[in-house]
Amino acid sequence: MKVSSNIKISKNKVGLEFIEINNDKADARIALQGAHVDWWKPKSIKDDVLWLSSNARYEKGRSIRGGVPICWPWFGEHPTDNSFCLHGFARVIPWELIESSDLKNGATKIVLKMIPTETVKKQLTYNFELIMSIVVGETLSLNLKTTNLSNSPFTISEGFHTYFYVSDINNVKVTGLENALFTDKNNNFKKGIEGDSISFKSPIDKVYLNSSNDCYLEDKKLKRIINIKKSNSDSLVVWNPGSERAIEMSDMGKKDEWRRMVCIETANTLEDSVVIYPKLSHSISTEYSVQEY
């Protein structure tokens, strides 16, 4: 196995392992439970890029509120059994480090593989391989590759449920989704067409369908634009819970902490779910970059 000179493995008090990355371009931390990036910050950028709840739970078998949770093999509730884990089990299952390397541009690449547990085997009827590649540098690049190892096709929905840090929800807007078709989960999945830009005057949970465009999160107070670039993704979700829903979520942080986050999620979900045929693979990718002004 290749080994990067810029990583070290740490462990918390309950035994969860983390990969800590410190290179010339950026710092990052990835939990091996869930292949979960909970911290990434380019050294050229003043403020945090990812939001992480002050009440985030670092426990075995529990998801972490903030950073970049993986949603797989379903996005949202399970299509037929809502007793299964919301957004799938990938974010609460152990992964193993199979490769790490230092790239010529100063970035660090790590490759992780999911370790199927008995819980996974009970919830799925097919064999698969799931590989996560993460490149930490001036940008953060994520690639999730699903390979069908069974003899029949299967369908997945998936996404990177990324929490971005903002100065305040009133200071930001999202562009790049003009005239896009959306499904509004807060309005009985009613469909509509987006206007010029997205602002946050009320709780929002919209799935933008058949949309492969880049989008941009602009923060007037932090004077920066975060570019969300994606590949092999036809859905994008924009989410902020609002005050009432945030209060109901014990791991959402202290009062009004929800005001400093926006989720913009590269995904394939609802009618954009993906069919993977035997012995073939599908990859979904996203890349985040920050421009200050």
C-alpha atoms as a PDB file:
ATOM      1  CA  MET A   1       0.000   0.000   0.000  1.00  0.00           C
ATOM      2  CA  LYS A   2       1.223   3.496  -0.875  1.00  0.00           C
ATOM      3  CA  VAL A   3       1.636   5.711   2.176  1.00  0.00           C
ATOM      4  CA  SER A   4       1.547   9.513   2.261  1.00  0.00           C
ATOM      5  CA  SER A   5       4.045  11.373   4.414  1.00  0.00           C
ATOM      6  CA  ASN A   6       1.343  13.920   5.305  1.00  0.00           C
ATOM      7  CA  ILE A   7      -1.108  11.715   7.212  1.00  0.00           C
ATOM      8  CA  LYS A   8      -1.369  10.267  10.677  1.00  0.00           C
ATOM      9  CA  ILE A   9      -3.966   8.032  12.311  1.00  0.00           C
ATOM     10  CA  SER A  10      -5.549   9.072  15.607  1.00  0.00           C
ATOM     11  CA  LYS A  11      -8.206   7.528  17.832  1.00  0.00           C
ATOM     12  CA  ASN A  12     -10.824   9.069  20.152  1.00  0.00           C
ATOM     13  CA  LYS A  13     -11.898   7.856  23.593  1.00  0.00           C
ATOM     14  CA  VAL A  14     -14.502   5.410  22.244  1.00  0.00           C
ATOM     15  CA  GLY A  15     -12.092   3.920  19.710  1.00  0.00           C
ATOM     16  CA  LEU A  16     -13.140   5.702  16.518  1.00  0.00           C
ATOM     17  CA  GLU A  17     -10.203   6.178  14.162  1.00  0.00           C
ATOM     18  CA  PHE A  18      -9.436   9.311  12.162  1.00  0.00           C
ATOM     19  CA  ILE A  19      -7.061  10.163   9.349  1.00  0.00           C
ATOM     20  CA  GLU A  20      -5.481  13.563   9.937  1.00  0.00           C
ATOM     21  CA  ILE A  21      -3.988  15.290   6.911  1.00  0.00           C
ATOM     22  CA  ASN A  22      -1.598  18.248   7.046  1.00  0.00           C
ATOM     23  CA  ASN A  23       0.069  19.219   3.796  1.00  0.00           C
ATOM     24  CA  ASP A  24       1.327  22.477   2.284  1.00  0.00           C
ATOM     25  CA  LYS A  25      -2.114  23.273   0.848  1.00  0.00           C
ATOM     26  CA  ALA A  26      -4.682  22.335   3.505  1.00  0.00           C
ATOM     27  CA  ASP A  27      -5.643  20.537   6.695  1.00  0.00           C
ATOM     28  CA  ALA A  28      -8.328  17.874   6.902  1.00  0.00           C
ATOM     29  CA  ARG A  29      -9.679  15.116   9.094  1.00  0.00           C
ATOM     30  CA  ILE A  30     -11.572  12.032   7.931  1.00  0.00           C
ATOM     31  CA  ALA A  31     -13.384   9.594  10.227  1.00  0.00           C
ATOM     32  CA  LEU A  32     -12.878   5.975   9.180  1.00  0.00           C
ATOM     33  CA  GLN A  33     -16.419   5.350  10.383  1.00  0.00           C
ATOM     34  CA  GLY A  34     -18.417   6.507   7.391  1.00  0.00           C
ATOM     35  CA  ALA A  35     -15.426   7.761   5.352  1.00  0.00           C
ATOM     36  CA  HIS A  36     -16.636  11.072   6.727  1.00  0.00           C
ATOM     37  CA  VAL A  37     -14.704  14.296   6.068  1.00  0.00           C
ATOM     38  CA  ASP A  38     -15.514  16.386   9.127  1.00  0.00           C
ATOM     39  CA  TRP A  39     -12.840  19.052   8.586  1.00  0.00           C
ATOM     40  CA  TRP A  40     -11.158  20.631   5.564  1.00  0.00           C
ATOM     41  CA  LYS A  41      -9.611  24.068   5.350  1.00  0.00           C
ATOM     42  CA  PRO A  42      -7.203  25.381   2.702  1.00  0.00           C
ATOM     43  CA  LYS A  43      -4.326  27.273   4.297  1.00  0.00           C
ATOM     44  CA  SER A  44      -4.950  30.211   1.948  1.00  0.00           C
ATOM     45  CA  ILE A  45      -8.525  30.706   3.279  1.00  0.00           C
ATOM     46  CA  LYS A  46      -9.337  32.748   6.380  1.00  0.00           C
ATOM     47  CA  ASP A  47     -12.592  31.157   7.600  1.00  0.00           C
ATOM     48  CA  ASP A  48     -13.888  27.607   7.917  1.00  0.00           C
ATOM     49  CA  VAL A  49     -15.372  26.040   4.789  1.00  0.00           C
ATOM     50  CA  LEU A  50     -17.247  23.130   6.359  1.00  0.00           C
ATOM     51  CA  TRP A  51     -19.715  23.488   9.239  1.00  0.00           C
ATOM     52  CA  LEU A  52     -19.523  21.072  12.159  1.00  0.00           C
ATOM     53  CA  SER A  53     -22.066  21.059  14.986  1.00  0.00           C
ATOM     54  CA  SER A  54     -20.753  21.737  18.481  1.00  0.00           C
ATOM     55  CA  ASN A  55     -22.980  18.802  19.538  1.00  0.00           C
ATOM     56  CA  ALA A  56     -21.758  16.403  16.844  1.00  0.00           C
ATOM     57  CA  ARG A  57     -21.782  12.806  18.125  1.00  0.00           C
ATOM     58  CA  TYR A  58     -18.556  10.836  17.816  1.00  0.00           C
ATOM     59  CA  GLU A  59     -19.929   7.432  18.736  1.00  0.00           C
ATOM     60  CA  LYS A  60     -19.802   4.006  17.137  1.00  0.00           C
ATOM     61  CA  GLY A  61     -22.757   3.442  14.854  1.00  0.00           C
ATOM     62  CA  ARG A  62     -23.913   7.086  14.906  1.00  0.00           C
ATOM     63  CA  SER A  63     -23.664   9.684  12.161  1.00  0.00           C
ATOM     64  CA  ILE A  64     -21.691  12.923  12.582  1.00  0.00           C
ATOM     65  CA  ARG A  65     -23.663  16.178  12.214  1.00  0.00           C
ATOM     66  CA  GLY A  66     -21.580  18.314   9.879  1.00  0.00           C
ATOM     67  CA  GLY A  67     -18.769  17.997   7.386  1.00  0.00           C
ATOM     68  CA  VAL A  68     -19.497  15.618   4.509  1.00  0.00           C
ATOM     69  CA  PRO A  69     -21.666  12.596   5.409  1.00  0.00           C
ATOM     70  CA  ILE A  70     -22.067   9.973   2.652  1.00  0.00           C
ATOM     71  CA  CYS A  71     -25.609   8.958   1.714  1.00  0.00           C
ATOM     72  CA  TRP A  72     -25.628   5.419   0.228  1.00  0.00           C
ATOM     73  CA  PRO A  73     -27.266   3.146  -0.990  1.00  0.00           C
ATOM     74  CA  TRP A  74     -30.375   5.231  -0.491  1.00  0.00           C
ATOM     75  CA  PHE A  75     -30.872   8.964  -0.041  1.00  0.00           C
ATOM     76  CA  GLY A  76     -33.452   9.949   2.584  1.00  0.00           C
ATOM     77  CA  GLU A  77     -35.694   7.184   3.872  1.00  0.00           C
ATOM     78  CA  HIS A  78     -35.355   3.607   2.668  1.00  0.00           C
ATOM     79  CA  PRO A  79     -37.767   3.126  -0.258  1.00  0.00           C
ATOM     80  CA  THR A  80     -39.736   0.316   1.435  1.00  0.00           C
ATOM     81  CA  ASP A  81     -38.663   0.087   5.119  1.00  0.00           C
ATOM     82  CA  ASN A  82     -38.321   3.295   7.141  1.00  0.00           C
ATOM     83  CA  SER A  83     -36.929   1.376  10.115  1.00  0.00           C
ATOM     84  CA  PHE A  84     -33.615   1.301   8.260  1.00  0.00           C
ATOM     85  CA  CYS A  85     -31.040   4.050   8.790  1.00  0.00           C
ATOM     86  CA  LEU A  86     -31.952   7.411   7.239  1.00  0.00           C
ATOM     87  CA  HIS A  87     -29.731   8.130   4.205  1.00  0.00           C
ATOM     88  CA  GLY A  88     -28.386   4.574   4.220  1.00  0.00           C
ATOM     89  CA  PHE A  89     -25.713   2.874   6.283  1.00  0.00           C
ATOM     90  CA  ALA A  90     -22.506   4.031   4.519  1.00  0.00           C
ATOM     91  CA  ARG A  91     -22.035   6.926   6.958  1.00  0.00           C
ATOM     92  CA  VAL A  92     -22.124   4.702  10.071  1.00  0.00           C
ATOM     93  CA  ILE A  93     -20.167   1.650   8.827  1.00  0.00           C
ATOM     94  CA  PRO A  94     -16.390   1.105   9.268  1.00  0.00           C
ATOM     95  CA  TRP A  95     -14.134   1.755   6.271  1.00  0.00           C
ATOM     96  CA  GLU A  96     -10.485   0.829   5.789  1.00  0.00           C
ATOM     97  CA  LEU A  97      -7.619   2.838   4.340  1.00  0.00           C
ATOM     98  CA  ILE A  98      -6.260   1.014   1.268  1.00  0.00           C
ATOM     99  CA  GLU A  99      -4.054   3.718  -0.249  1.00  0.00           C
ATOM    100  CA  SER A 100      -2.573   7.149   0.475  1.00  0.00           C
ATOM    101  CA  SER A 101      -0.208   9.235  -1.623  1.00  0.00           C
ATOM    102  CA  ASP A 102       1.285  12.702  -2.042  1.00  0.00           C
ATOM    103  CA  LEU A 103       0.444  14.323  -5.377  1.00  0.00           C
ATOM    104  CA  LYS A 104       2.745  16.550  -7.415  1.00  0.00           C
ATOM    105  CA  ASN A 105       0.519  19.606  -6.861  1.00  0.00           C
ATOM    106  CA  GLY A 106       0.980  19.351  -3.074  1.00  0.00           C
ATOM    107  CA  ALA A 107      -2.376  17.657  -2.392  1.00  0.00           C
ATOM    108  CA  THR A 108      -2.850  14.356  -0.555  1.00  0.00           C
ATOM    109  CA  LYS A 109      -4.979  11.495  -1.860  1.00  0.00           C
ATOM    110  CA  ILE A 110      -6.493   8.760   0.266  1.00  0.00           C
ATOM    111  CA  VAL A 111      -8.577   5.794  -0.877  1.00  0.00           C
ATOM    112  CA  LEU A 112     -11.017   4.061   1.483  1.00  0.00           C
ATOM    113  CA  LYS A 113     -13.035   0.857   1.114  1.00  0.00           C
ATOM    114  CA  MET A 114     -16.212  -0.006   2.991  1.00  0.00           C
ATOM    115  CA  ILE A 115     -16.048  -3.060   5.222  1.00  0.00           C
ATOM    116  CA  PRO A 116     -19.396  -4.896   4.863  1.00  0.00           C
ATOM    117  CA  THR A 117     -20.763  -5.793   8.306  1.00  0.00           C
ATOM    118  CA  GLU A 118     -23.523  -8.216   9.270  1.00  0.00           C
ATOM    119  CA  THR A 119     -25.909  -5.244   9.415  1.00  0.00           C
ATOM    120  CA  VAL A 120     -25.077  -4.392   5.810  1.00  0.00           C
ATOM    121  CA  LYS A 121     -25.564  -7.987   4.680  1.00  0.00           C
ATOM    122  CA  LYS A 122     -29.019  -8.092   6.293  1.00  0.00           C
ATOM    123  CA  GLN A 123     -30.137  -4.870   4.574  1.00  0.00           C
ATOM    124  CA  LEU A 124     -28.949  -5.679   1.041  1.00  0.00           C
ATOM    125  CA  THR A 125     -29.577  -8.686  -1.170  1.00  0.00           C
ATOM    126  CA  TYR A 126     -26.722  -8.024  -3.592  1.00  0.00           C
ATOM    127  CA  ASN A 127     -22.933  -8.011  -3.519  1.00  0.00           C
ATOM    128  CA  PHE A 128     -21.040  -4.795  -4.146  1.00  0.00           C
ATOM    129  CA  GLU A 129     -17.779  -2.939  -3.652  1.00  0.00           C
ATOM    130  CA  LEU A 130     -17.778   0.675  -2.446  1.00  0.00           C
ATOM    131  CA  ILE A 131     -14.635   2.805  -2.788  1.00  0.00           C
ATOM    132  CA  MET A 132     -14.218   6.426  -1.648  1.00  0.00           C
ATOM    133  CA  SER A 133     -11.355   8.548  -3.018  1.00  0.00           C
ATOM    134  CA  ILE A 134     -10.596  11.870  -1.307  1.00  0.00           C
ATOM    135  CA  VAL A 135      -8.087  14.467  -2.523  1.00  0.00           C
ATOM    136  CA  VAL A 136      -7.207  17.141   0.058  1.00  0.00           C
ATOM    137  CA  GLY A 137      -5.535  20.280  -1.230  1.00  0.00           C
ATOM    138  CA  GLU A 138      -6.472  23.797  -2.288  1.00  0.00           C
ATOM    139  CA  THR A 139      -9.710  22.097  -3.358  1.00  0.00           C
ATOM    140  CA  LEU A 140     -11.510  19.118  -1.816  1.00  0.00           C
ATOM    141  CA  SER A 141     -12.381  16.371  -4.300  1.00  0.00           C
ATOM    142  CA  LEU A 142     -14.584  13.373  -3.491  1.00  0.00           C
ATOM    143  CA  ASN A 143     -15.343  10.337  -5.636  1.00  0.00           C
ATOM    144  CA  LEU A 144     -17.644   7.488  -4.582  1.00  0.00           C
ATOM    145  CA  LYS A 145     -17.437   4.387  -6.799  1.00  0.00           C
ATOM    146  CA  THR A 146     -20.024   1.596  -6.629  1.00  0.00           C
ATOM    147  CA  THR A 147     -19.293  -1.711  -8.365  1.00  0.00           C
ATOM    148  CA  ASN A 148     -21.959  -4.372  -8.878  1.00  0.00           C
ATOM    149  CA  LEU A 149     -20.459  -7.750  -7.941  1.00  0.00           C
ATOM    150  CA  SER A 150     -23.755  -9.637  -8.239  1.00  0.00           C
ATOM    151  CA  ASN A 151     -25.480 -11.267 -11.207  1.00  0.00           C
ATOM    152  CA  SER A 152     -28.458  -8.897 -11.375  1.00  0.00           C
ATOM    153  CA  PRO A 153     -28.800  -5.124 -11.736  1.00  0.00           C
ATOM    154  CA  PHE A 154     -29.557  -3.044  -8.644  1.00  0.00           C
ATOM    155  CA  THR A 155     -30.677   0.531  -8.056  1.00  0.00           C
ATOM    156  CA  ILE A 156     -29.080   3.039  -5.693  1.00  0.00           C
ATOM    157  CA  SER A 157     -29.617   6.624  -4.692  1.00  0.00           C
ATOM    158  CA  GLU A 158     -26.650   8.480  -3.231  1.00  0.00           C
ATOM    159  CA  GLY A 159     -25.162  11.800  -2.259  1.00  0.00           C
ATOM    160  CA  PHE A 160     -22.590  13.885  -0.418  1.00  0.00           C
ATOM    161  CA  HIS A 161     -24.648  15.599   2.317  1.00  0.00           C
ATOM    162  CA  THR A 162     -22.199  18.498   2.668  1.00  0.00           C
ATOM    163  CA  TYR A 163     -22.602  21.160   5.368  1.00  0.00           C
ATOM    164  CA  PHE A 164     -21.032  24.499   4.435  1.00  0.00           C
ATOM    165  CA  TYR A 165     -20.147  27.126   7.025  1.00  0.00           C
ATOM    166  CA  VAL A 166     -21.686  30.583   6.480  1.00  0.00           C
ATOM    167  CA  SER A 167     -21.586  33.814   8.467  1.00  0.00           C
ATOM    168  CA  ASP A 168     -25.394  33.858   8.779  1.00  0.00           C
ATOM    169  CA  ILE A 169     -28.206  32.416   6.717  1.00  0.00           C
ATOM    170  CA  ASN A 170     -29.399  35.940   5.853  1.00  0.00           C
ATOM    171  CA  ASN A 171     -26.060  36.847   4.268  1.00  0.00           C
ATOM    172  CA  VAL A 172     -25.943  34.132   1.606  1.00  0.00           C
ATOM    173  CA  LYS A 173     -27.434  33.133  -1.717  1.00  0.00           C
ATOM    174  CA  VAL A 174     -27.045  30.165  -4.060  1.00  0.00           C
ATOM    175  CA  THR A 175     -26.762  30.673  -7.811  1.00  0.00           C
ATOM    176  CA  GLY A 176     -26.353  28.337 -10.765  1.00  0.00           C
ATOM    177  CA  LEU A 177     -29.774  26.698 -10.428  1.00  0.00           C
ATOM    178  CA  GLU A 178     -31.755  29.299 -12.354  1.00  0.00           C
ATOM    179  CA  ASN A 179     -34.789  27.771 -14.136  1.00  0.00           C
ATOM    180  CA  ALA A 180     -34.042  24.341 -12.652  1.00  0.00           C
ATOM    181  CA  LEU A 181     -36.876  21.916 -11.888  1.00  0.00           C
ATOM    182  CA  PHE A 182     -37.214  21.151  -8.180  1.00  0.00           C
ATOM    183  CA  THR A 183     -39.237  18.983  -5.827  1.00  0.00           C
ATOM    184  CA  ASP A 184     -40.086  20.764  -2.552  1.00  0.00           C
ATOM    185  CA  LYS A 185     -39.974  18.252   0.301  1.00  0.00           C
ATOM    186  CA  ASN A 186     -41.401  20.871   2.698  1.00  0.00           C
ATOM    187  CA  ASN A 187     -44.460  21.254   0.448  1.00  0.00           C
ATOM    188  CA  ASN A 188     -45.613  17.661  -0.114  1.00  0.00           C
ATOM    189  CA  PHE A 189     -43.002  17.120  -2.862  1.00  0.00           C
ATOM    190  CA  LYS A 190     -44.669  19.725  -5.064  1.00  0.00           C
ATOM    191  CA  LYS A 191     -42.668  20.508  -8.188  1.00  0.00           C
ATOM    192  CA  GLY A 192     -41.690  23.986  -9.355  1.00  0.00           C
ATOM    193  CA  ILE A 193     -39.181  25.993 -11.380  1.00  0.00           C
ATOM    194  CA  GLU A 194     -36.456  27.925  -9.550  1.00  0.00           C
ATOM    195  CA  GLY A 195     -36.072  31.683 -10.016  1.00  0.00           C
ATOM    196  CA  ASP A 196     -32.907  33.752 -10.301  1.00  0.00           C
ATOM    197  CA  SER A 197     -31.186  32.766  -7.046  1.00  0.00           C
ATOM    198  CA  ILE A 198     -31.925  30.967  -3.789  1.00  0.00           C
ATOM    199  CA  SER A 199     -32.122  32.891  -0.515  1.00  0.00           C
ATOM    200  CA  PHE A 200     -32.986  31.596   2.937  1.00  0.00           C
ATOM    201  CA  LYS A 201     -36.001  33.412   4.375  1.00  0.00           C
ATOM    202  CA  SER A 202     -37.625  30.175   5.612  1.00  0.00           C
ATOM    203  CA  PRO A 203     -36.729  26.474   6.037  1.00  0.00           C
ATOM    204  CA  ILE A 204     -35.725  24.884   2.740  1.00  0.00           C
ATOM    205  CA  ASP A 205     -35.477  21.280   1.558  1.00  0.00           C
ATOM    206  CA  LYS A 206     -35.503  21.201  -2.236  1.00  0.00           C
ATOM    207  CA  VAL A 207     -34.279  18.498  -4.588  1.00  0.00           C
ATOM    208  CA  TYR A 208     -33.204  19.893  -7.962  1.00  0.00           C
ATOM    209  CA  LEU A 209     -33.746  17.245 -10.640  1.00  0.00           C
ATOM    210  CA  ASN A 210     -32.045  16.513 -13.940  1.00  0.00           C
ATOM    211  CA  SER A 211     -29.463  19.165 -13.071  1.00  0.00           C
ATOM    212  CA  SER A 212     -25.743  18.640 -13.624  1.00  0.00           C
ATOM    213  CA  ASN A 213     -24.756  22.319 -13.390  1.00  0.00           C
ATOM    214  CA  ASP A 214     -22.157  23.715 -11.026  1.00  0.00           C
ATOM    215  CA  CYS A 215     -23.589  25.984  -8.361  1.00  0.00           C
ATOM    216  CA  TYR A 216     -22.197  28.729  -6.155  1.00  0.00           C
ATOM    217  CA  LEU A 217     -22.668  29.679  -2.510  1.00  0.00           C
ATOM    218  CA  GLU A 218     -21.935  33.389  -2.027  1.00  0.00           C
ATOM    219  CA  ASP A 219     -21.471  34.899   1.446  1.00  0.00           C
ATOM    220  CA  LYS A 220     -21.472  38.702   1.439  1.00  0.00           C
ATOM    221  CA  LYS A 221     -20.086  39.044   4.969  1.00  0.00           C
ATOM    222  CA  LEU A 222     -17.273  36.505   4.565  1.00  0.00           C
ATOM    223  CA  LYS A 223     -16.651  37.953   1.085  1.00  0.00           C
ATOM    224  CA  ARG A 224     -16.278  34.626  -0.622  1.00  0.00           C
ATOM    225  CA  ILE A 225     -17.873  32.241  -3.098  1.00  0.00           C
ATOM    226  CA  ILE A 226     -17.784  28.457  -2.696  1.00  0.00           C
ATOM    227  CA  ASN A 227     -17.969  26.614  -6.024  1.00  0.00           C
ATOM    228  CA  ILE A 228     -19.698  23.222  -5.948  1.00  0.00           C
ATOM    229  CA  LYS A 229     -18.678  21.254  -9.042  1.00  0.00           C
ATOM    230  CA  LYS A 230     -20.098  17.821  -9.735  1.00  0.00           C
ATOM    231  CA  SER A 231     -19.834  14.886 -12.128  1.00  0.00           C
ATOM    232  CA  ASN A 232     -22.208  11.964 -12.805  1.00  0.00           C
ATOM    233  CA  SER A 233     -24.738  13.696 -10.567  1.00  0.00           C
ATOM    234  CA  ASP A 234     -28.181  14.673 -11.874  1.00  0.00           C
ATOM    235  CA  SER A 235     -29.661  15.842  -8.549  1.00  0.00           C
ATOM    236  CA  LEU A 236     -28.710  18.558  -6.108  1.00  0.00           C
ATOM    237  CA  VAL A 237     -30.262  19.194  -2.695  1.00  0.00           C
ATOM    238  CA  VAL A 238     -30.359  22.525  -0.860  1.00  0.00           C
ATOM    239  CA  TRP A 239     -31.293  22.239   2.820  1.00  0.00           C
ATOM    240  CA  ASN A 240     -31.490  24.336   5.957  1.00  0.00           C
ATOM    241  CA  PRO A 241     -33.831  23.163   8.748  1.00  0.00           C
ATOM    242  CA  GLY A 242     -34.946  26.528  10.151  1.00  0.00           C
ATOM    243  CA  SER A 243     -35.348  27.195  13.870  1.00  0.00           C
ATOM    244  CA  GLU A 244     -38.243  24.862  14.762  1.00  0.00           C
ATOM    245  CA  ARG A 245     -36.769  21.784  13.110  1.00  0.00           C
ATOM    246  CA  ALA A 246     -33.272  22.563  14.425  1.00  0.00           C
ATOM    247  CA  ILE A 247     -34.554  22.618  18.014  1.00  0.00           C
ATOM    248  CA  GLU A 248     -35.894  19.086  17.534  1.00  0.00           C
ATOM    249  CA  MET A 249     -32.454  17.817  16.486  1.00  0.00           C
ATOM    250  CA  SER A 250     -30.339  17.203  19.587  1.00  0.00           C
ATOM    251  CA  ASP A 251     -27.059  17.113  17.662  1.00  0.00           C
ATOM    252  CA  MET A 252     -27.720  20.319  15.702  1.00  0.00           C
ATOM    253  CA  GLY A 253     -25.715  22.467  18.111  1.00  0.00           C
ATOM    254  CA  LYS A 254     -26.437  25.396  20.374  1.00  0.00           C
ATOM    255  CA  LYS A 255     -29.221  27.940  19.873  1.00  0.00           C
ATOM    256  CA  ASP A 256     -29.088  29.567  16.426  1.00  0.00           C
ATOM    257  CA  GLU A 257     -26.110  27.449  15.362  1.00  0.00           C
ATOM    258  CA  TRP A 258     -28.289  26.297  12.446  1.00  0.00           C
ATOM    259  CA  ARG A 259     -28.081  29.843  11.084  1.00  0.00           C
ATOM    260  CA  ARG A 260     -24.426  29.303  10.223  1.00  0.00           C
ATOM    261  CA  MET A 261     -24.852  26.348   7.883  1.00  0.00           C
ATOM    262  CA  VAL A 262     -26.250  25.497   4.473  1.00  0.00           C
ATOM    263  CA  CYS A 263     -26.293  21.989   3.016  1.00  0.00           C
ATOM    264  CA  ILE A 264     -25.666  21.784  -0.730  1.00  0.00           C
ATOM    265  CA  GLU A 265     -25.675  18.115  -1.654  1.00  0.00           C
ATOM    266  CA  THR A 266     -24.324  16.525  -4.820  1.00  0.00           C
ATOM    267  CA  ALA A 267     -26.676  13.592  -5.353  1.00  0.00           C
ATOM    268  CA  ASN A 268     -28.597  11.119  -7.475  1.00  0.00           C
ATOM    269  CA  THR A 269     -32.029  10.649  -5.919  1.00  0.00           C
ATOM    270  CA  LEU A 270     -35.772  10.294  -6.600  1.00  0.00           C
ATOM    271  CA  GLU A 271     -36.198   9.873 -10.379  1.00  0.00           C
ATOM    272  CA  ASP A 272     -32.439  10.421 -10.818  1.00  0.00           C
ATOM    273  CA  SER A 273     -31.594   7.179  -8.977  1.00  0.00           C
ATOM    274  CA  VAL A 274     -28.989   5.002 -10.710  1.00  0.00           C
ATOM    275  CA  VAL A 275     -29.265   1.448 -12.045  1.00  0.00           C
ATOM    276  CA  ILE A 276     -25.939  -0.451 -11.987  1.00  0.00           C
ATOM    277  CA  TYR A 277     -25.650  -3.567 -14.109  1.00  0.00           C
ATOM    278  CA  PRO A 278     -23.654  -6.693 -13.169  1.00  0.00           C
ATOM    279  CA  LYS A 279     -19.867  -6.342 -13.181  1.00  0.00           C
ATOM    280  CA  LEU A 280     -20.118  -2.620 -14.003  1.00  0.00           C
ATOM    281  CA  SER A 281     -19.326   0.454 -11.890  1.00  0.00           C
ATOM    282  CA  HIS A 282     -20.784   3.897 -11.342  1.00  0.00           C
ATOM    283  CA  SER A 283     -18.972   6.891  -9.808  1.00  0.00           C
ATOM    284  CA  ILE A 284     -20.334  10.156  -8.435  1.00  0.00           C
ATOM    285  CA  SER A 285     -17.891  13.026  -7.880  1.00  0.00           C
ATOM    286  CA  THR A 286     -17.829  16.522  -6.447  1.00  0.00           C
ATOM    287  CA  GLU A 287     -15.158  19.197  -5.956  1.00  0.00           C
ATOM    288  CA  TYR A 288     -15.252  22.232  -3.674  1.00  0.00           C
ATOM    289  CA  SER A 289     -13.181  25.367  -4.132  1.00  0.00           C
ATOM    290  CA  VAL A 290     -13.259  28.775  -2.432  1.00  0.00           C
ATOM    291  CA  GLN A 291     -12.734  32.197  -3.976  1.00  0.00           C
ATOM    292  CA  GLU A 292     -12.362  35.198  -1.655  1.00  0.00           C
ATOM    293  CA  TYR A 293     -12.932  38.773  -2.827  1.00  0.00           C
END
